[in-house]
Amino acid sequence: MNHVTRLRGRLAERATRGLVSMPGCWDALTMLLVERAGFEAGFVSGAALSMAMLGRADLGLVPADRVVDTIALMRDASDLPLLVDGDTGFGNALTLQRFVRMLERAGASAVQIEDQTFPKRCGHMAGKQVVPLADAVGRVRAALDARGDMLVVARTDALSVEGLDSAIERADAFLAEGADAVFVEGARTMDELETVTRRFAARVPLVHNLAAGGVTPTDDEVRLEALGVAVALHPLLLLGGLATSGADWLTRLAGDRSSAALRGATGELHHLNDLTGAKALLDQGAKYGC
């Protein structure tokens, strides 16, 4: 089975097999780390792409073509299913459809489309705005019409802007259009989260975002699974770990003027060669006299 079929089938089995945990990744190396750790899929976070690629916060700065190019490079390294953050579609319905087609050809398993105004901002930041309901539904319809087999995850950020009732209305409208999964971003309390899960979890795969330090009322996947959540995103776990621990490693290097004491934490060259398949590549090249 290809990566799209595997992800679609896994979500269909959510009632018996539980939720799918998706750590955030932003390039081929971090995807391989997610895969080696045993996760069934990865989430290509727009925030992680912006922070790692541009050194800038998640404010809609990464262009569509750069996202597509990144997915193509990642797909060349692995067939791990990937849910890709498509933000608002990078413009109007026509640019959104072009992006969806290119993204699917590049190797995305699913795309997430949201209803914020363009340019968007991180879902856990204040000051968000959303487009009118008709425009939001139009985005989802455009994505569904443009995709071949790839899944479409329809996200609404209306909860913190217009309230819970509006967010539920939008998610219902997305589901009526045929979205493969829905994502009500930014539940601030367990009561809000439970209201969302009661409404949708039995009807459609429901996505939840666990942004450390954000507004998420729980970080516990067991609790989310009991509520019927199908997908738990951890968009910045790896990147946050690198930024935090990496700063400590560099401070230690500057002070010690040696990396010897860091090797237990940072590993050695053979660890990276093993992760990135050096032996297999050399063996393959040897077949052709390389």
Protein backbone atom coordinates (compact mmCIF):
# COMPACT_ATOMS: atom_id res chain seq x y z
CA MET A 1 0.00 0.00 0.00
CA ASN A 2 1.20 3.53 -0.69
CA HIS A 3 1.46 6.18 2.01
CA VAL A 4 -1.95 7.73 1.28
CA THR A 5 -3.74 4.39 1.41
CA ARG A 6 -1.97 3.49 4.67
CA LEU A 7 -2.96 6.75 6.33
CA ARG A 8 -6.55 6.58 5.10
CA GLY A 9 -6.88 2.99 6.31
CA ARG A 10 -5.30 3.77 9.68
CA LEU A 11 -7.72 6.63 10.33
CA ALA A 12 -10.63 4.39 9.40
CA GLU A 13 -9.51 2.02 12.16
CA ARG A 14 -9.25 4.71 14.83
CA ALA A 15 -12.06 3.24 16.94
CA THR A 16 -10.18 -0.02 17.44
CA ARG A 17 -6.54 1.05 17.13
CA GLY A 18 -6.65 4.46 18.82
CA LEU A 19 -5.19 7.77 17.79
CA VAL A 20 -2.27 8.41 15.45
CA SER A 21 0.50 10.44 17.07
CA MET A 22 2.27 12.73 14.57
CA PRO A 23 5.45 14.51 15.69
CA GLY A 24 6.40 17.58 13.70
CA CYS A 25 9.18 17.31 11.11
CA TRP A 26 10.55 19.78 8.61
CA ASP A 27 13.10 17.93 6.45
CA ALA A 28 14.19 14.45 5.47
CA LEU A 29 16.43 13.95 8.51
CA THR A 30 13.74 14.81 11.04
CA MET A 31 11.27 12.60 9.14
CA LEU A 32 13.73 9.70 9.46
CA LEU A 33 13.96 10.35 13.20
CA VAL A 34 10.17 10.20 13.47
CA GLU A 35 10.06 7.01 11.45
CA ARG A 36 12.89 5.32 13.37
CA ALA A 37 11.13 6.09 16.65
CA GLY A 38 8.21 3.97 15.44
CA PHE A 39 5.61 6.64 14.69
CA GLU A 40 3.08 5.85 11.97
CA ALA A 41 3.10 9.31 10.37
CA GLY A 42 4.70 12.73 10.57
CA PHE A 43 3.29 16.25 10.53
CA VAL A 44 5.11 18.76 8.33
CA SER A 45 4.43 21.80 10.46
CA GLY A 46 4.30 25.23 8.87
CA ALA A 47 5.70 26.69 12.08
CA ALA A 48 8.63 24.27 12.03
CA LEU A 49 9.33 25.04 8.36
CA SER A 50 9.30 28.79 8.99
CA MET A 51 11.44 28.61 12.10
CA ALA A 52 13.97 26.08 10.77
CA MET A 53 14.18 27.36 7.19
CA LEU A 54 13.85 31.10 7.67
CA GLY A 55 14.59 31.66 11.34
CA ARG A 56 11.24 33.44 11.57
CA ALA A 57 8.04 32.87 13.52
CA ASP A 58 4.95 31.19 12.04
CA LEU A 59 3.43 34.17 10.25
CA GLY A 60 2.82 32.81 6.75
CA LEU A 61 6.27 33.67 5.39
CA VAL A 62 7.17 30.35 3.70
CA PRO A 63 6.08 30.35 0.03
CA ALA A 64 4.04 27.51 -1.44
CA ASP A 65 6.72 26.32 -3.84
CA ARG A 66 9.22 25.96 -1.00
CA VAL A 67 6.77 23.73 0.88
CA VAL A 68 6.32 21.57 -2.22
CA ASP A 69 10.08 21.28 -2.78
CA THR A 70 10.58 20.25 0.84
CA ILE A 71 7.98 17.48 0.57
CA ALA A 72 9.60 16.15 -2.60
CA LEU A 73 12.97 15.88 -0.82
CA MET A 74 11.38 14.22 2.20
CA ARG A 75 9.47 11.72 0.08
CA ASP A 76 12.67 10.68 -1.66
CA ALA A 77 13.99 9.51 1.72
CA SER A 78 10.98 7.56 3.02
CA ASP A 79 7.40 6.50 2.38
CA LEU A 80 6.26 7.52 5.88
CA PRO A 81 2.78 9.07 5.63
CA LEU A 82 2.96 12.86 5.90
CA LEU A 83 0.26 15.35 6.85
CA VAL A 84 1.37 18.70 5.43
CA ASP A 85 0.37 22.10 6.78
CA GLY A 86 -1.13 23.98 3.84
CA ASP A 87 -1.94 27.12 5.83
CA THR A 88 -4.63 29.15 4.01
CA GLY A 89 -3.77 27.94 0.51
CA PHE A 90 -1.36 30.81 -0.25
CA GLY A 91 -3.84 33.16 -1.85
CA ASN A 92 -7.19 32.53 -3.53
CA ALA A 93 -8.94 29.32 -4.58
CA LEU A 94 -6.89 29.07 -7.78
CA THR A 95 -3.54 29.27 -6.00
CA LEU A 96 -4.85 26.82 -3.40
CA GLN A 97 -5.76 24.29 -6.10
CA ARG A 98 -2.38 24.66 -7.78
CA PHE A 99 -0.68 24.13 -4.43
CA VAL A 100 -2.76 21.02 -3.66
CA ARG A 101 -1.99 19.45 -7.04
CA MET A 102 1.73 20.15 -6.73
CA LEU A 103 1.81 18.96 -3.14
CA GLU A 104 0.17 15.66 -4.01
CA ARG A 105 2.60 15.09 -6.88
CA ALA A 106 5.48 15.83 -4.51
CA GLY A 107 4.35 13.08 -2.14
CA ALA A 108 2.07 14.48 0.55
CA SER A 109 -0.37 12.00 2.09
CA ALA A 110 -2.72 14.68 3.43
CA VAL A 111 -2.99 18.45 3.41
CA GLN A 112 -4.38 20.70 6.14
CA ILE A 113 -6.29 23.80 4.97
CA GLU A 114 -7.43 26.47 7.41
CA ASP A 115 -9.84 29.39 7.49
CA GLN A 116 -7.61 32.20 8.74
CA THR A 117 -7.11 35.36 6.77
CA PHE A 118 -3.92 35.60 4.68
CA PRO A 119 -1.22 35.94 5.84
CA LYS A 120 -2.01 33.65 8.76
CA ARG A 121 -0.35 33.30 12.14
CA CYS A 122 0.30 30.43 14.52
CA GLY A 123 -2.96 28.97 15.81
CA HIS A 124 -1.88 29.52 19.41
CA MET A 125 -1.05 33.22 18.98
CA ALA A 126 -3.40 36.09 19.77
CA GLY A 127 -4.76 38.35 17.04
CA LYS A 128 -5.96 35.73 14.56
CA GLN A 129 -8.73 36.53 12.10
CA VAL A 130 -10.87 34.17 10.02
CA VAL A 131 -12.50 34.58 6.63
CA PRO A 132 -16.31 34.47 6.30
CA LEU A 133 -17.91 31.03 6.47
CA ALA A 134 -18.70 30.92 2.73
CA ASP A 135 -15.06 31.64 1.88
CA ALA A 136 -13.86 28.99 4.33
CA VAL A 137 -16.15 26.39 2.80
CA GLY A 138 -14.98 27.45 -0.66
CA ARG A 139 -11.38 26.73 0.30
CA VAL A 140 -12.26 23.22 1.44
CA ARG A 141 -14.29 22.59 -1.71
CA ALA A 142 -11.45 23.85 -3.89
CA ALA A 143 -8.96 21.56 -2.15
CA LEU A 144 -11.24 18.54 -2.50
CA ASP A 145 -11.83 19.25 -6.18
CA ALA A 146 -8.09 19.59 -6.86
CA ARG A 147 -6.80 16.52 -5.01
CA GLY A 148 -6.55 13.11 -6.56
CA ASP A 149 -6.34 10.64 -3.68
CA MET A 150 -4.64 12.72 -0.98
CA LEU A 151 -6.64 13.38 2.20
CA VAL A 152 -7.92 16.87 3.00
CA VAL A 153 -7.99 17.99 6.64
CA ALA A 154 -10.21 21.04 7.15
CA ARG A 155 -9.17 23.27 10.04
CA THR A 156 -11.02 26.15 11.65
CA ASP A 157 -9.46 28.78 13.89
CA ALA A 158 -12.81 30.40 14.64
CA LEU A 159 -13.03 29.25 18.26
CA SER A 160 -10.79 32.01 19.64
CA VAL A 161 -12.15 34.60 17.20
CA GLU A 162 -15.91 34.03 16.99
CA GLY A 163 -16.50 31.44 19.73
CA LEU A 164 -17.18 27.74 20.05
CA ASP A 165 -20.56 27.75 18.30
CA SER A 166 -19.04 29.33 15.20
CA ALA A 167 -16.17 26.84 15.19
CA ILE A 168 -18.62 23.93 15.39
CA GLU A 169 -20.75 25.42 12.61
CA ARG A 170 -17.70 25.68 10.37
CA ALA A 171 -16.50 22.16 11.14
CA ASP A 172 -19.97 20.83 10.35
CA ALA A 173 -19.91 22.70 7.02
CA PHE A 174 -16.47 21.30 6.19
CA LEU A 175 -17.68 17.79 6.95
CA ALA A 176 -20.74 18.32 4.75
CA GLU A 177 -18.38 19.26 1.87
CA GLY A 178 -16.63 15.90 2.25
CA ALA A 179 -13.50 16.75 4.26
CA ASP A 180 -11.63 13.60 5.25
CA ALA A 181 -10.89 14.96 8.75
CA VAL A 182 -11.72 18.09 10.72
CA PHE A 183 -9.56 20.13 13.07
CA VAL A 184 -11.03 22.62 15.55
CA GLU A 185 -7.96 24.55 16.64
CA GLY A 186 -7.44 26.19 20.00
CA ALA A 187 -9.74 24.53 22.53
CA ARG A 188 -8.86 26.34 25.76
CA THR A 189 -10.57 24.14 28.33
CA MET A 190 -11.46 20.48 28.70
CA ASP A 191 -15.14 21.47 28.50
CA GLU A 192 -14.57 22.99 25.06
CA LEU A 193 -12.53 20.01 23.93
CA GLU A 194 -15.16 17.55 25.16
CA THR A 195 -17.89 19.50 23.38
CA VAL A 196 -15.95 19.25 20.11
CA THR A 197 -15.22 15.55 20.51
CA ARG A 198 -18.85 14.72 21.39
CA ARG A 199 -19.95 16.50 18.24
CA PHE A 200 -17.44 15.04 15.78
CA ALA A 201 -15.31 12.15 17.01
CA ALA A 202 -17.77 9.42 16.06
CA ARG A 203 -18.49 10.97 12.65
CA VAL A 204 -15.08 11.88 11.25
CA PRO A 205 -11.39 11.68 12.18
CA LEU A 206 -10.75 14.58 14.54
CA VAL A 207 -7.35 16.29 14.74
CA HIS A 208 -5.99 17.95 17.88
CA ASN A 209 -2.90 20.12 18.26
CA LEU A 210 -0.56 19.74 21.23
CA ALA A 211 1.59 22.85 21.05
CA ALA A 212 3.71 22.93 24.21
CA GLY A 213 3.03 26.16 26.06
CA GLY A 214 0.01 26.92 23.86
CA VAL A 215 -3.65 26.96 24.85
CA THR A 216 -4.05 23.18 24.67
CA PRO A 217 -5.85 22.02 27.85
CA THR A 218 -4.07 18.64 27.95
CA ASP A 219 -0.86 17.08 26.65
CA ASP A 220 -2.04 13.55 27.47
CA GLU A 221 -2.63 11.37 24.39
CA VAL A 222 -4.31 8.69 26.51
CA ARG A 223 -6.90 11.23 27.58
CA LEU A 224 -7.37 12.46 24.02
CA GLU A 225 -7.75 8.91 22.77
CA ALA A 226 -10.45 8.24 25.35
CA LEU A 227 -12.33 11.26 23.99
CA GLY A 228 -12.13 9.84 20.47
CA VAL A 229 -9.47 12.12 18.98
CA ALA A 230 -7.97 10.45 15.88
CA VAL A 231 -4.78 12.48 15.34
CA ALA A 232 -2.54 14.17 17.91
CA LEU A 233 -0.08 16.67 16.43
CA HIS A 234 3.17 17.57 18.19
CA PRO A 235 4.33 20.28 15.77
CA LEU A 236 7.35 21.70 17.58
CA LEU A 237 8.55 18.94 19.90
CA LEU A 238 11.68 18.12 17.90
CA LEU A 239 12.43 21.70 16.93
CA GLY A 240 11.91 22.96 20.47
CA GLY A 241 14.21 20.24 21.76
CA LEU A 242 16.91 21.24 19.28
CA ALA A 243 16.61 24.94 20.09
CA THR A 244 16.72 24.32 23.83
CA SER A 245 19.30 21.53 24.07
CA GLY A 246 21.33 22.83 21.14
CA ALA A 247 21.85 26.15 22.88
CA ASP A 248 23.11 24.29 25.95
CA TRP A 249 25.50 22.17 23.85
CA LEU A 250 26.98 25.23 22.17
CA THR A 251 27.45 26.98 25.50
CA ARG A 252 29.22 23.90 26.83
CA LEU A 253 31.43 23.70 23.72
CA ALA A 254 32.37 27.36 24.03
CA GLY A 255 33.27 26.90 27.68
CA ASP A 256 35.08 23.54 27.47
CA ARG A 257 36.65 24.11 24.04
CA SER A 258 36.04 20.37 23.49
CA SER A 259 33.07 18.30 22.37
CA ALA A 260 34.16 15.16 24.23
CA ALA A 261 31.77 15.62 27.13
CA LEU A 262 28.83 16.12 24.74
CA ARG A 263 29.09 12.90 22.77
CA GLY A 264 26.62 11.02 24.92
CA ALA A 265 24.00 13.63 24.00
CA THR A 266 25.02 14.53 20.44
CA GLY A 267 26.21 11.15 19.17
CA GLU A 268 28.97 10.45 16.67
CA LEU A 269 29.35 10.27 12.91
CA HIS A 270 28.45 6.58 12.71
CA HIS A 271 25.07 7.29 14.32
CA LEU A 272 24.21 9.75 11.56
CA ASN A 273 25.55 7.44 8.85
CA ASP A 274 23.38 4.66 10.21
CA LEU A 275 20.27 6.86 10.30
CA THR A 276 20.82 8.12 6.76
CA GLY A 277 21.62 4.72 5.22
CA ALA A 278 25.29 5.13 4.31
CA LYS A 279 25.99 1.39 4.01
CA ALA A 280 22.97 0.72 1.83
CA LEU A 281 23.93 3.58 -0.48
CA LEU A 282 27.51 2.38 -0.75
CA ASP A 283 26.35 -1.18 -1.47
CA GLN A 284 24.00 0.10 -4.14
CA GLY A 285 26.74 2.18 -5.74
CA ALA A 286 29.09 -0.81 -5.75
CA LYS A 287 26.69 -2.62 -8.08
CA TYR A 288 27.41 0.03 -10.68
CA GLY A 289 31.12 0.40 -10.02
CA CYS A 290 30.74 3.57 -7.95
